[in-house]
Every structure is written in C-alpha cells, then in structure tokens.
C-alpha atoms as a PDB file:
ATOM      1  CA  UNK A   1     107.783  66.186 112.455  1.00  0.00           C
ATOM      2  CA  UNK A   2     106.889  64.282 115.603  1.00  0.00           C
ATOM      3  CA  UNK A   3     109.889  61.940 115.211  1.00  0.00           C
ATOM      4  CA  UNK A   4     112.170  64.942 114.616  1.00  0.00           C
ATOM      5  CA  UNK A   5     111.008  66.519 117.883  1.00  0.00           C
ATOM      6  CA  UNK A   6     111.470  63.234 119.745  1.00  0.00           C
ATOM      7  CA  UNK A   7     115.020  62.886 118.385  1.00  0.00           C
ATOM      8  CA  UNK A   8     115.856  66.463 119.397  1.00  0.00           C
ATOM      9  CA  UNK A   9     114.389  65.882 122.862  1.00  0.00           C
ATOM     10  CA  UNK A  10     116.411  62.694 123.334  1.00  0.00           C
ATOM     11  CA  UNK A  11     119.546  64.459 122.088  1.00  0.00           C
ATOM     12  CA  UNK A  12     119.058  67.213 124.689  1.00  0.00           C
ATOM     13  CA  UNK A  13     118.349  64.597 127.344  1.00  0.00           C
ATOM     14  CA  UNK A  14     121.538  62.729 126.464  1.00  0.00           C
ATOM     15  CA  UNK A  15     123.543  65.880 127.191  1.00  0.00           C
ATOM     16  CA  UNK A  16     122.090  66.089 130.701  1.00  0.00           C
ATOM     17  CA  UNK A  17     122.588  62.362 131.253  1.00  0.00           C
ATOM     18  CA  UNK A  18     126.233  62.739 130.200  1.00  0.00           C
ATOM     19  CA  UNK A  19     126.671  65.570 132.710  1.00  0.00           C
ATOM     20  CA  UNK A  20     124.897  63.517 135.366  1.00  0.00           C
ATOM     21  CA  UNK A  21     127.184  60.577 134.558  1.00  0.00           C
ATOM     22  CA  UNK A  22     130.234  62.813 134.810  1.00  0.00           C
ATOM     23  CA  UNK A  23     129.674  63.674 138.469  1.00  0.00           C
ATOM     24  CA  UNK A  24     130.274  60.110 139.708  1.00  0.00           C
ATOM     25  CA  UNK A  25     133.419  59.973 137.541  1.00  0.00           C
ATOM     26  CA  UNK A  26     134.618  63.166 139.229  1.00  0.00           C
ATOM     27  CA  UNK A  27     133.773  61.673 142.627  1.00  0.00           C
ATOM     28  CA  UNK A  28     135.654  58.517 141.670  1.00  0.00           C
ATOM     29  CA  UNK A  29     138.703  60.623 140.805  1.00  0.00           C
ATOM     30  CA  UNK A  30     138.604  62.223 144.262  1.00  0.00           C
ATOM     31  CA  UNK A  31     138.170  58.798 145.895  1.00  0.00           C
ATOM     32  CA  UNK A  32     141.161  57.392 144.011  1.00  0.00           C
ATOM     33  CA  UNK A  33     143.221  60.469 144.932  1.00  0.00           C
ATOM     34  CA  UNK A  34     142.342  60.013 148.612  1.00  0.00           C
ATOM     35  CA  UNK A  35     143.197  56.323 148.316  1.00  0.00           C
ATOM     36  CA  UNK A  36     146.605  57.024 146.748  1.00  0.00           C
ATOM     37  CA  UNK A  37     147.513  59.683 149.320  1.00  0.00           C
ATOM     38  CA  UNK A  38     146.228  57.511 152.169  1.00  0.00           C
ATOM     39  CA  UNK A  39     148.340  54.557 151.052  1.00  0.00           C
ATOM     40  CA  UNK A  40     151.459  56.648 150.536  1.00  0.00           C
ATOM     41  CA  UNK A  41     151.327  58.770 153.698  1.00  0.00           C
ATOM     42  CA  UNK A  42     149.324  56.796 156.237  1.00  0.00           C
ATOM     43  CA  UNK A  43     149.487  53.207 154.985  1.00  0.00           C
ATOM     44  CA  UNK A  44     145.657  53.196 154.851  1.00  0.00           C
ATOM     45  CA  UNK A  45     143.445  52.201 151.966  1.00  0.00           C
ATOM     46  CA  UNK A  46     139.883  53.053 150.984  1.00  0.00           C
ATOM     47  CA  UNK A  47     138.203  49.683 150.683  1.00  0.00           C
ATOM     48  CA  UNK A  48     136.346  49.063 147.465  1.00  0.00           C
ATOM     49  CA  UNK A  49     137.572  51.981 145.377  1.00  0.00           C
ATOM     50  CA  UNK A  50     138.381  49.635 142.489  1.00  0.00           C
ATOM     51  CA  UNK A  51     134.945  48.000 142.748  1.00  0.00           C
ATOM     52  CA  UNK A  52     133.160  51.357 142.845  1.00  0.00           C
ATOM     53  CA  UNK A  53     135.306  52.473 139.905  1.00  0.00           C
ATOM     54  CA  UNK A  54     134.092  49.543 137.827  1.00  0.00           C
ATOM     55  CA  UNK A  55     130.455  50.355 138.545  1.00  0.00           C
ATOM     56  CA  UNK A  56     130.906  54.069 137.865  1.00  0.00           C
ATOM     57  CA  UNK A  57     132.661  53.479 134.552  1.00  0.00           C
ATOM     58  CA  UNK A  58     130.083  50.922 133.380  1.00  0.00           C
ATOM     59  CA  UNK A  59     127.160  53.234 134.121  1.00  0.00           C
ATOM     60  CA  UNK A  60     128.921  56.313 132.682  1.00  0.00           C
ATOM     61  CA  UNK A  61     129.658  54.397 129.465  1.00  0.00           C
ATOM     62  CA  UNK A  62     126.064  53.181 129.165  1.00  0.00           C
ATOM     63  CA  UNK A  63     124.787  56.765 129.346  1.00  0.00           C
ATOM     64  CA  UNK A  64     127.692  58.092 127.291  1.00  0.00           C
ATOM     65  CA  UNK A  65     126.690  56.054 124.227  1.00  0.00           C
ATOM     66  CA  UNK A  66     123.647  58.315 123.742  1.00  0.00           C
ATOM     67  CA  UNK A  67     125.669  61.500 124.039  1.00  0.00           C
ATOM     68  CA  UNK A  68     128.199  60.098 121.565  1.00  0.00           C
ATOM     69  CA  UNK A  69     125.359  59.454 119.129  1.00  0.00           C
ATOM     70  CA  UNK A  70     123.947  62.958 119.541  1.00  0.00           C
ATOM     71  CA  UNK A  71     127.397  64.468 118.924  1.00  0.00           C
ATOM     72  CA  UNK A  72     128.128  62.083 116.017  1.00  0.00           C
ATOM     73  CA  UNK A  73     131.214  60.905 117.883  1.00  0.00           C
ATOM     74  CA  UNK A  74     130.943  57.195 117.106  1.00  0.00           C
ATOM     75  CA  UNK A  75     133.895  56.304 114.917  1.00  0.00           C
ATOM     76  CA  UNK A  76     133.444  56.017 111.176  1.00  0.00           C
ATOM     77  CA  UNK A  77     135.650  56.825 108.201  1.00  0.00           C
ATOM     78  CA  UNK A  78     135.818  60.523 109.052  1.00  0.00           C
ATOM     79  CA  UNK A  79     138.704  61.283 106.695  1.00  0.00           C
ATOM     80  CA  UNK A  80     137.370  59.445 103.637  1.00  0.00           C
ATOM     81  CA  UNK A  81     133.565  59.524 103.835  1.00  0.00           C
ATOM     82  CA  UNK A  82     132.942  63.285 103.406  1.00  0.00           C
ATOM     83  CA  UNK A  83     134.780  63.175 100.070  1.00  0.00           C
ATOM     84  CA  UNK A  84     132.707  60.324  98.622  1.00  0.00           C
ATOM     85  CA  UNK A  85     129.602  60.738  96.421  1.00  0.00           C
ATOM     86  CA  UNK A  86     126.386  61.589  98.295  1.00  0.00           C
ATOM     87  CA  UNK A  87     124.758  58.226  97.475  1.00  0.00           C
ATOM     88  CA  UNK A  88     127.730  56.309  98.900  1.00  0.00           C
ATOM     89  CA  UNK A  89     127.734  58.522 102.002  1.00  0.00           C
ATOM     90  CA  UNK A  90     124.031  57.822 102.534  1.00  0.00           C
ATOM     91  CA  UNK A  91     124.585  54.072 102.125  1.00  0.00           C
ATOM     92  CA  UNK A  92     127.524  54.102 104.568  1.00  0.00           C
ATOM     93  CA  UNK A  93     125.551  56.189 107.083  1.00  0.00           C
ATOM     94  CA  UNK A  94     122.584  53.811 106.897  1.00  0.00           C
ATOM     95  CA  UNK A  95     124.851  50.794 107.431  1.00  0.00           C
ATOM     96  CA  UNK A  96     126.613  52.523 110.343  1.00  0.00           C
ATOM     97  CA  UNK A  97     123.335  53.369 112.087  1.00  0.00           C
ATOM     98  CA  UNK A  98     121.826  49.918 111.529  1.00  0.00           C
ATOM     99  CA  UNK A  99     124.944  48.205 112.907  1.00  0.00           C
ATOM    100  CA  UNK A 100     124.938  50.596 115.865  1.00  0.00           C
ATOM    101  CA  UNK A 101     121.266  49.829 116.476  1.00  0.00           C
ATOM    102  CA  UNK A 102     121.944  46.080 116.406  1.00  0.00           C
ATOM    103  CA  UNK A 103     124.790  46.619 118.872  1.00  0.00           C
ATOM    104  CA  UNK A 104     122.508  48.637 121.171  1.00  0.00           C
ATOM    105  CA  UNK A 105     119.773  45.957 121.099  1.00  0.00           C
ATOM    106  CA  UNK A 106     122.309  43.218 121.822  1.00  0.00           C
ATOM    107  CA  UNK A 107     123.809  45.164 124.722  1.00  0.00           C
ATOM    108  CA  UNK A 108     120.346  45.991 126.084  1.00  0.00           C
ATOM    109  CA  UNK A 109     119.297  42.347 125.888  1.00  0.00           C
ATOM    110  CA  UNK A 110     122.474  41.154 127.645  1.00  0.00           C
ATOM    111  CA  UNK A 111     122.238  43.850 130.329  1.00  0.00           C
ATOM    112  CA  UNK A 112     118.583  43.127 131.097  1.00  0.00           C
ATOM    113  CA  UNK A 113     119.250  39.368 131.104  1.00  0.00           C
ATOM    114  CA  UNK A 114     122.087  39.865 133.597  1.00  0.00           C
ATOM    115  CA  UNK A 115     119.903  42.175 135.731  1.00  0.00           C
ATOM    116  CA  UNK A 116     117.045  39.658 135.855  1.00  0.00           C
ATOM    117  CA  UNK A 117     119.469  36.899 136.841  1.00  0.00           C
ATOM    118  CA  UNK A 118     121.013  39.039 139.584  1.00  0.00           C
ATOM    119  CA  UNK A 119     117.582  39.908 140.969  1.00  0.00           C
ATOM    120  CA  UNK A 120     116.532  36.241 140.867  1.00  0.00           C
ATOM    121  CA  UNK A 121     119.675  35.123 142.697  1.00  0.00           C
ATOM    122  CA  UNK A 122     119.816  38.187 144.987  1.00  0.00           C
ATOM    123  CA  UNK A 123     123.421  38.382 143.845  1.00  0.00           C
ATOM    124  CA  UNK A 124     125.948  40.534 145.679  1.00  0.00           C
ATOM    125  CA  UNK A 125     129.533  41.311 144.754  1.00  0.00           C
ATOM    126  CA  UNK A 126     132.046  38.880 146.290  1.00  0.00           C
ATOM    127  CA  UNK A 127     133.901  41.788 147.898  1.00  0.00           C
ATOM    128  CA  UNK A 128     133.987  43.452 151.318  1.00  0.00           C
ATOM    129  CA  UNK A 129     131.334  45.955 150.139  1.00  0.00           C
ATOM    130  CA  UNK A 130     128.947  43.171 149.078  1.00  0.00           C
ATOM    131  CA  UNK A 131     127.171  45.523 146.687  1.00  0.00           C
ATOM    132  CA  UNK A 132     123.839  44.194 145.397  1.00  0.00           C
ATOM    133  CA  UNK A 133     124.682  43.719 141.711  1.00  0.00           C
ATOM    134  CA  UNK A 134     121.169  44.673 140.648  1.00  0.00           C
ATOM    135  CA  UNK A 135     121.865  48.346 141.462  1.00  0.00           C
ATOM    136  CA  UNK A 136     124.649  49.051 138.933  1.00  0.00           C
ATOM    137  CA  UNK A 137     123.109  46.619 136.449  1.00  0.00           C
ATOM    138  CA  UNK A 138     119.771  48.445 136.618  1.00  0.00           C
ATOM    139  CA  UNK A 139     121.486  51.776 135.933  1.00  0.00           C
ATOM    140  CA  UNK A 140     123.365  50.222 132.992  1.00  0.00           C
ATOM    141  CA  UNK A 141     120.101  48.796 131.645  1.00  0.00           C
ATOM    142  CA  UNK A 142     118.445  52.236 131.829  1.00  0.00           C
ATOM    143  CA  UNK A 143     121.378  53.764 129.923  1.00  0.00           C
ATOM    144  CA  UNK A 144     121.278  51.039 127.268  1.00  0.00           C
ATOM    145  CA  UNK A 145     117.483  51.369 126.918  1.00  0.00           C
ATOM    146  CA  UNK A 146     117.861  55.123 126.358  1.00  0.00           C
ATOM    147  CA  UNK A 147     120.542  54.484 123.728  1.00  0.00           C
ATOM    148  CA  UNK A 148     118.464  51.815 121.951  1.00  0.00           C
ATOM    149  CA  UNK A 149     115.433  54.112 121.859  1.00  0.00           C
ATOM    150  CA  UNK A 150     117.508  57.016 120.574  1.00  0.00           C
ATOM    151  CA  UNK A 151     119.205  55.061 117.773  1.00  0.00           C
ATOM    152  CA  UNK A 152     115.851  53.555 116.764  1.00  0.00           C
ATOM    153  CA  UNK A 153     114.348  57.027 116.405  1.00  0.00           C
ATOM    154  CA  UNK A 154     117.417  58.130 114.443  1.00  0.00           C
ATOM    155  CA  UNK A 155     116.826  55.289 111.988  1.00  0.00           C
ATOM    156  CA  UNK A 156     113.109  56.128 111.676  1.00  0.00           C
ATOM    157  CA  UNK A 157     113.899  59.795 111.048  1.00  0.00           C
ATOM    158  CA  UNK A 158     116.672  58.938 108.597  1.00  0.00           C
ATOM    159  CA  UNK A 159     114.431  56.539 106.694  1.00  0.00           C
ATOM    160  CA  UNK A 160     111.805  59.286 106.408  1.00  0.00           C
ATOM    161  CA  UNK A 161     114.362  61.684 104.950  1.00  0.00           C
ATOM    162  CA  UNK A 162     115.662  59.120 102.461  1.00  0.00           C
ATOM    163  CA  UNK A 163     112.175  58.056 101.365  1.00  0.00           C
ATOM    164  CA  UNK A 164     111.302  61.725 100.793  1.00  0.00           C
ATOM    165  CA  UNK A 165     114.433  62.061  98.628  1.00  0.00           C
ATOM    166  CA  UNK A 166     116.313  64.374 101.006  1.00  0.00           C
ATOM    167  CA  UNK A 167     119.695  62.648 100.701  1.00  0.00           C
ATOM    168  CA  UNK A 168     121.752  65.793 101.300  1.00  0.00           C
ATOM    169  CA  UNK A 169     119.831  66.634 104.490  1.00  0.00           C
ATOM    170  CA  UNK A 170     120.182  63.008 105.605  1.00  0.00           C
ATOM    171  CA  UNK A 171     123.958  63.089 105.112  1.00  0.00           C
ATOM    172  CA  UNK A 172     124.189  66.456 106.872  1.00  0.00           C
ATOM    173  CA  UNK A 173     122.251  65.241 109.914  1.00  0.00           C
ATOM    174  CA  UNK A 174     123.522  61.656 110.139  1.00  0.00           C
ATOM    175  CA  UNK A 175     126.898  61.777 108.428  1.00  0.00           C
ATOM    176  CA  UNK A 176     130.335  62.416 109.824  1.00  0.00           C
ATOM    177  CA  UNK A 177     131.762  65.866 110.354  1.00  0.00           C
ATOM    178  CA  UNK A 178     134.740  66.859 108.264  1.00  0.00           C
ATOM    179  CA  UNK A 179     137.960  67.453 110.175  1.00  0.00           C
ATOM    180  CA  UNK A 180     137.716  71.166 109.368  1.00  0.00           C
ATOM    181  CA  UNK A 181     134.181  71.480 110.808  1.00  0.00           C
ATOM    182  CA  UNK A 182     135.183  69.554 113.940  1.00  0.00           C
ATOM    183  CA  UNK A 183     138.213  71.799 114.473  1.00  0.00           C
ATOM    184  CA  UNK A 184     136.089  74.930 113.959  1.00  0.00           C
ATOM    185  CA  UNK A 185     133.463  73.709 116.448  1.00  0.00           C
ATOM    186  CA  UNK A 186     136.162  72.893 119.015  1.00  0.00           C
ATOM    187  CA  UNK A 187     137.669  76.378 118.633  1.00  0.00           C
ATOM    188  CA  UNK A 188     134.255  78.006 119.078  1.00  0.00           C
ATOM    189  CA  UNK A 189     133.563  75.974 122.231  1.00  0.00           C
ATOM    190  CA  UNK A 190     137.003  76.899 123.592  1.00  0.00           C
ATOM    191  CA  UNK A 191     136.347  80.596 122.994  1.00  0.00           C
ATOM    192  CA  UNK A 192     133.007  80.375 124.808  1.00  0.00           C
ATOM    193  CA  UNK A 193     134.649  78.695 127.803  1.00  0.00           C
ATOM    194  CA  UNK A 194     137.492  81.246 127.946  1.00  0.00           C
ATOM    195  CA  UNK A 195     135.103  84.219 127.994  1.00  0.00           C
END
C-alpha cells in the first residue's frame, strides 16, 4: 500500500512538473516570435534565443519523461498488445518497464557525470551569453532523478501485483490503452475544456 501511495504521489507531482516545464516553453515561443519580428521589421536579433531554446527543451524533456510515464504515453505496440493473451501482455509490460528503467538510469548517470564535470571545470557556454552549464545540467539531472525514482517505484509496485497473482490489475495499470479508450479519454477532456 505504501508503494502504491508513493507512485500516485509521484504521478500527481509529474503533472505539476510538466505544467511547470511548459511555462518556459511558452516563454521560449514568445522569445522566438519577438526574434522573428525583430529580424524582419527592424533588422535586430535577440541574442541567444537558440541557446536558451536548447536549454529549455532539454529541461522540459527531462521532466516530461515522468509525465509520459504517468499517462502511459511511452510508445509500445498499442495496436497489437491489447489483443494478446494476458500472460503475454504482462511479459511485454514487464520488459517495457525494465528497459525504460535501464534507460532512465543510464540517462541519469550521464547527466550527473556531465554536471559534475561542468562544476569541476566551471564550464560556461562558448556563446555571447556565457551561461554556466551547471545550471541547465542540474535541472536536467533533477528531472532524470525524478523519472528514475518514478519508474523504479512502478517496477516495485508491478512486481508486487504479479507476485500476488493480480495479472489483470497489473495489465490494467501498466499496460497500454486501447485506441478506443484513448479516443474516449481525449473526447472527455475536450468536453471539459469546452465547458
């Protein structure tokens, strides 16, 4: 029960982190718009918009991995898997989550290694902004750590369900959505937004 609550808490947190990560993307869009208009009309350019864009996208992606996991948006065989036997679905879902966990650990390790190196060298971007690279790398490392923790807890919870013999519940919670269920959920969200 404790792991279930932790997973649900991290899933809720990933939603807020995704929203938080969306604001800089919105700001980046405005900055790029200003840059385009400035170049076209006034022959002026916002220095560093491409550099800032790279940082914003890297950090947004790092935090977006967790939200993708919570929404079961990571790509799997969505068309085929729901029609397979329950045992095969469980096996495929276990493999998918283990591979995703390995990916998250590898990315976390690489991100932290790069962060430590940047701190050691006091590295700055070789651009007019001379951004200390440790700042965006630290934010990426935090996002990857959150993702690694979340996928680890998913695996622990899934293993508990499988060991208890709850294969159907495991596939419901950790499997892919059918196309029909995804379409229905999208329509419901659209109706909520329209009202």
